[in-house]
Amino acid sequence: MEALLSMAMPCSWIYNLAKDYQVRVLLIDTVMTEDGITRDLVEINLREEDAEPVIKAIEDFEHVVGMEITERHKGRLLAIVEVRDCPGCISLATADVFLLSAHTTEDKRLEWKVAFSNREDLDKLIWELQETGTDVELVRVSNAIDDGLKLTDRQLKIVEVAFKRGYYDYPKRISIRELARIFSVSTATVSEILRRGQRKIIKEHFEGKKKI
């Protein structure tokens, strides 16, 4: 099953950045390290004149402990942001759901699309987020994960290499940036391919359960 959540999360640097600046933030990947730090790989689209103030605002946010700009083009930043003691971030990183997509919206909120097998797992995530002071709205729940998941042979190879080299391990043994270098594509492209691959696997898994 798939759910769409809309949130105002006070502890999130992404949420606070969207409130203060004209930016759109896409969360490409997030992982929790063994020492409790959450590492967010994000794409930030913004006005070029806001780039330096936005970078400083992220670095100055109370839960941010590190930031690395990996790519910078006019109006676009690709960055890894390290966060500590953000309860909402921890809830997502440790939840028994699959994050399919996450981004900011025009009304200055966060929007997460997640896949889950048990409704109890989704309810637990929502309850934990509410306990952190997050305003959570369950926008919709659908029984079927979106179709349109066909992958080319090359895209399937990227998913296969990601699996064999430990992208899905905890902690990860290879990063999206390393995969992008291997296949000479952008990190955003690799992220989209991996998400589509995950969605396809999850969809087939859940559909298989129904047949049992």
Protein backbone atom coordinates (compact mmCIF):
# COMPACT_ATOMS: atom_id res chain seq x y z
CA MET A 1 0.00 0.00 0.00
CA GLU A 2 1.02 3.61 -0.47
CA ALA A 3 0.39 6.72 1.64
CA LEU A 4 0.92 10.43 1.07
CA LEU A 5 1.77 12.50 4.17
CA SER A 6 1.84 16.30 4.40
CA MET A 7 3.78 17.74 7.34
CA ALA A 8 4.98 20.78 9.19
CA MET A 9 8.05 19.47 11.06
CA PRO A 10 9.67 22.08 13.35
CA CYS A 11 12.83 20.00 13.89
CA SER A 12 13.52 19.59 10.15
CA TRP A 13 16.05 21.88 8.50
CA ILE A 14 14.27 21.27 5.18
CA TYR A 15 10.94 22.46 6.55
CA ASN A 16 12.47 25.57 8.13
CA LEU A 17 14.45 26.41 5.00
CA ALA A 18 11.29 26.24 2.86
CA LYS A 19 9.51 28.59 5.26
CA ASP A 20 12.23 31.25 5.07
CA TYR A 21 13.38 31.06 1.44
CA GLN A 22 11.96 30.55 -2.03
CA VAL A 23 13.39 27.08 -2.50
CA ARG A 24 12.23 23.63 -3.50
CA VAL A 25 14.06 20.80 -1.76
CA LEU A 26 14.00 17.22 -3.04
CA LEU A 27 15.17 14.59 -0.55
CA ILE A 28 17.00 12.09 -2.76
CA ASP A 29 18.17 9.74 -0.04
CA THR A 30 18.44 9.59 3.74
CA VAL A 31 20.33 7.16 5.93
CA MET A 32 21.15 6.93 9.62
CA THR A 33 24.76 6.18 10.53
CA GLU A 34 25.83 3.95 13.40
CA ASP A 35 26.60 6.98 15.57
CA GLY A 36 23.05 8.33 15.25
CA ILE A 37 23.64 10.99 12.60
CA THR A 38 21.10 11.28 9.78
CA ARG A 39 22.67 12.01 6.38
CA ASP A 40 20.39 13.64 3.82
CA LEU A 41 21.28 13.78 0.14
CA VAL A 42 19.23 16.65 -1.26
CA GLU A 43 18.72 18.69 -4.39
CA ILE A 44 17.90 22.35 -3.71
CA ASN A 45 16.43 24.49 -6.47
CA LEU A 46 16.61 28.21 -5.72
CA ARG A 47 17.33 31.67 -7.04
CA GLU A 48 21.06 32.01 -7.66
CA GLU A 49 21.26 35.19 -5.58
CA ASP A 50 19.94 33.22 -2.59
CA ALA A 51 22.56 30.48 -2.81
CA GLU A 52 25.01 31.79 -0.21
CA PRO A 53 22.34 32.86 2.33
CA VAL A 54 20.65 29.46 1.92
CA ILE A 55 23.91 27.59 2.49
CA LYS A 56 24.62 29.66 5.61
CA ALA A 57 21.07 29.13 6.89
CA ILE A 58 21.45 25.37 6.56
CA GLU A 59 24.84 25.36 8.27
CA ASP A 60 23.48 27.51 11.13
CA PHE A 61 20.40 25.36 11.79
CA GLU A 62 20.62 23.90 15.30
CA HIS A 63 20.40 20.21 14.35
CA VAL A 64 22.81 20.41 11.39
CA VAL A 65 26.32 19.21 12.24
CA GLY A 66 27.83 19.12 8.76
CA MET A 67 27.21 20.05 5.13
CA GLU A 68 29.01 19.21 1.89
CA ILE A 69 28.12 20.76 -1.47
CA THR A 70 28.76 18.02 -4.02
CA GLU A 71 27.48 19.82 -7.14
CA ARG A 72 26.62 23.44 -7.81
CA HIS A 73 25.08 24.88 -10.93
CA LYS A 74 23.09 28.03 -11.52
CA GLY A 75 19.94 27.79 -9.43
CA ARG A 76 20.69 24.24 -8.21
CA LEU A 77 22.63 22.73 -5.34
CA LEU A 78 23.29 19.07 -4.63
CA ALA A 79 24.37 18.58 -1.04
CA ILE A 80 24.84 16.10 1.78
CA VAL A 81 23.52 17.48 5.07
CA GLU A 82 24.31 15.74 8.35
CA VAL A 83 21.77 16.11 11.15
CA ARG A 84 21.80 15.09 14.80
CA ASP A 85 18.94 14.97 17.33
CA CYS A 86 16.10 15.61 14.87
CA PRO A 87 13.29 13.39 16.27
CA GLY A 88 11.20 13.50 13.09
CA CYS A 89 14.18 12.53 10.93
CA ILE A 90 14.94 9.62 13.24
CA SER A 91 11.31 8.47 13.11
CA LEU A 92 11.45 8.27 9.32
CA ALA A 93 14.88 6.61 9.21
CA THR A 94 13.82 3.87 11.66
CA ALA A 95 10.21 3.33 10.49
CA ASP A 96 9.06 0.07 8.89
CA VAL A 97 8.03 1.90 5.71
CA PHE A 98 9.75 2.57 2.39
CA LEU A 99 10.27 6.22 1.48
CA LEU A 100 9.31 6.58 -2.19
CA SER A 101 9.69 10.35 -2.52
CA ALA A 102 10.00 13.46 -0.35
CA HIS A 103 9.99 17.16 -1.21
CA THR A 104 8.81 20.58 -0.13
CA THR A 105 5.56 22.01 -1.47
CA GLU A 106 4.37 25.47 -2.49
CA ASP A 107 2.50 25.85 0.80
CA LYS A 108 5.82 25.45 2.71
CA ARG A 109 5.17 21.92 3.96
CA LEU A 110 6.96 18.60 3.56
CA GLU A 111 5.36 15.88 1.48
CA TRP A 112 6.38 12.26 1.94
CA LYS A 113 5.15 9.35 -0.14
CA VAL A 114 5.74 6.03 1.60
CA ALA A 115 4.98 2.37 0.89
CA PHE A 116 4.03 -0.02 3.68
CA SER A 117 2.73 -3.56 4.12
CA ASN A 118 0.96 -3.17 7.49
CA ARG A 119 -1.31 -0.26 8.36
CA GLU A 120 0.01 -0.50 11.93
CA ASP A 121 3.46 0.55 10.67
CA LEU A 122 2.03 3.67 9.04
CA ASP A 123 -0.04 4.53 12.13
CA LYS A 124 3.04 4.09 14.32
CA LEU A 125 5.06 6.47 12.13
CA ILE A 126 2.29 9.10 12.23
CA TRP A 127 1.99 8.75 16.03
CA GLU A 128 5.75 9.08 16.52
CA LEU A 129 5.85 12.17 14.30
CA GLN A 130 2.99 13.76 16.24
CA GLU A 131 4.86 13.05 19.48
CA THR A 132 7.77 15.15 18.14
CA GLY A 133 5.47 18.12 17.60
CA THR A 134 5.03 17.52 13.88
CA ASP A 135 1.71 18.50 12.32
CA VAL A 136 0.92 15.45 10.15
CA GLU A 137 -1.91 15.18 7.64
CA LEU A 138 -2.64 11.84 6.02
CA VAL A 139 -3.60 13.05 2.56
CA ARG A 140 -4.46 9.68 1.06
CA VAL A 141 -3.91 5.95 1.24
CA SER A 142 -4.09 3.79 -1.87
CA ASN A 143 -4.09 0.03 -2.18
CA ALA A 144 -1.89 -0.07 -5.26
CA ILE A 145 1.54 1.38 -5.77
CA ASP A 146 1.74 3.49 -8.95
CA ASP A 147 2.43 1.63 -12.14
CA GLY A 148 4.69 2.79 -14.95
CA LEU A 149 7.69 1.07 -13.39
CA LYS A 150 9.32 -0.48 -16.45
CA LEU A 151 13.11 -0.28 -16.47
CA THR A 152 15.53 -0.56 -19.39
CA ASP A 153 18.31 -3.16 -19.34
CA ARG A 154 20.80 -0.46 -18.36
CA GLN A 155 18.55 0.76 -15.54
CA LEU A 156 18.12 -2.80 -14.29
CA LYS A 157 21.91 -3.13 -14.31
CA ILE A 158 22.22 -0.04 -12.11
CA VAL A 159 19.77 -1.53 -9.61
CA GLU A 160 21.64 -4.86 -9.71
CA VAL A 161 25.04 -3.23 -9.11
CA ALA A 162 23.57 -1.12 -6.30
CA PHE A 163 22.31 -4.28 -4.62
CA LYS A 164 25.50 -6.32 -5.10
CA ARG A 165 27.76 -3.49 -3.90
CA GLY A 166 25.77 -2.88 -0.73
CA TYR A 167 23.63 0.19 -1.40
CA TYR A 168 20.73 -1.48 0.41
CA ASP A 169 22.89 -2.70 3.31
CA TYR A 170 22.92 -1.00 6.70
CA PRO A 171 25.15 0.89 6.84
CA LYS A 172 25.42 1.45 3.09
CA ARG A 173 28.62 0.16 1.50
CA ILE A 174 28.29 2.32 -1.62
CA SER A 175 26.76 5.76 -2.10
CA ILE A 176 24.59 7.22 -4.85
CA ARG A 177 27.51 9.45 -5.87
CA GLU A 178 29.77 6.42 -6.35
CA LEU A 179 27.10 4.64 -8.41
CA ALA A 180 26.67 7.78 -10.51
CA ARG A 181 30.42 7.86 -11.21
CA ILE A 182 30.42 4.16 -12.21
CA PHE A 183 27.67 4.69 -14.81
CA SER A 184 28.60 8.26 -15.81
CA VAL A 185 25.18 9.70 -15.00
CA SER A 186 23.96 12.29 -12.50
CA THR A 187 23.16 11.42 -8.90
CA ALA A 188 19.58 12.56 -9.51
CA THR A 189 19.27 10.07 -12.39
CA VAL A 190 20.62 7.20 -10.26
CA SER A 191 18.29 8.16 -7.42
CA GLU A 192 15.25 8.10 -9.70
CA ILE A 193 16.24 4.73 -11.19
CA LEU A 194 16.76 3.20 -7.73
CA ARG A 195 13.44 4.55 -6.50
CA ARG A 196 11.64 3.10 -9.52
CA GLY A 197 13.42 -0.19 -8.97
CA GLN A 198 12.41 -0.23 -5.30
CA ARG A 199 8.81 0.60 -6.18
CA LYS A 200 8.73 -2.20 -8.75
CA ILE A 201 10.09 -4.74 -6.24
CA ILE A 202 7.75 -3.56 -3.49
CA LYS A 203 4.77 -3.66 -5.86
CA GLU A 204 5.57 -7.20 -6.99
CA HIS A 205 6.14 -8.27 -3.38
CA PHE A 206 2.80 -6.94 -2.15
CA GLU A 207 0.92 -8.26 -5.17
CA GLY A 208 2.51 -11.65 -4.58
CA LYS A 209 1.27 -11.62 -0.98
CA LYS A 210 -2.29 -11.10 -2.18
CA LYS A 211 -2.09 -14.25 -4.28
CA ILE A 212 -1.04 -16.43 -1.34
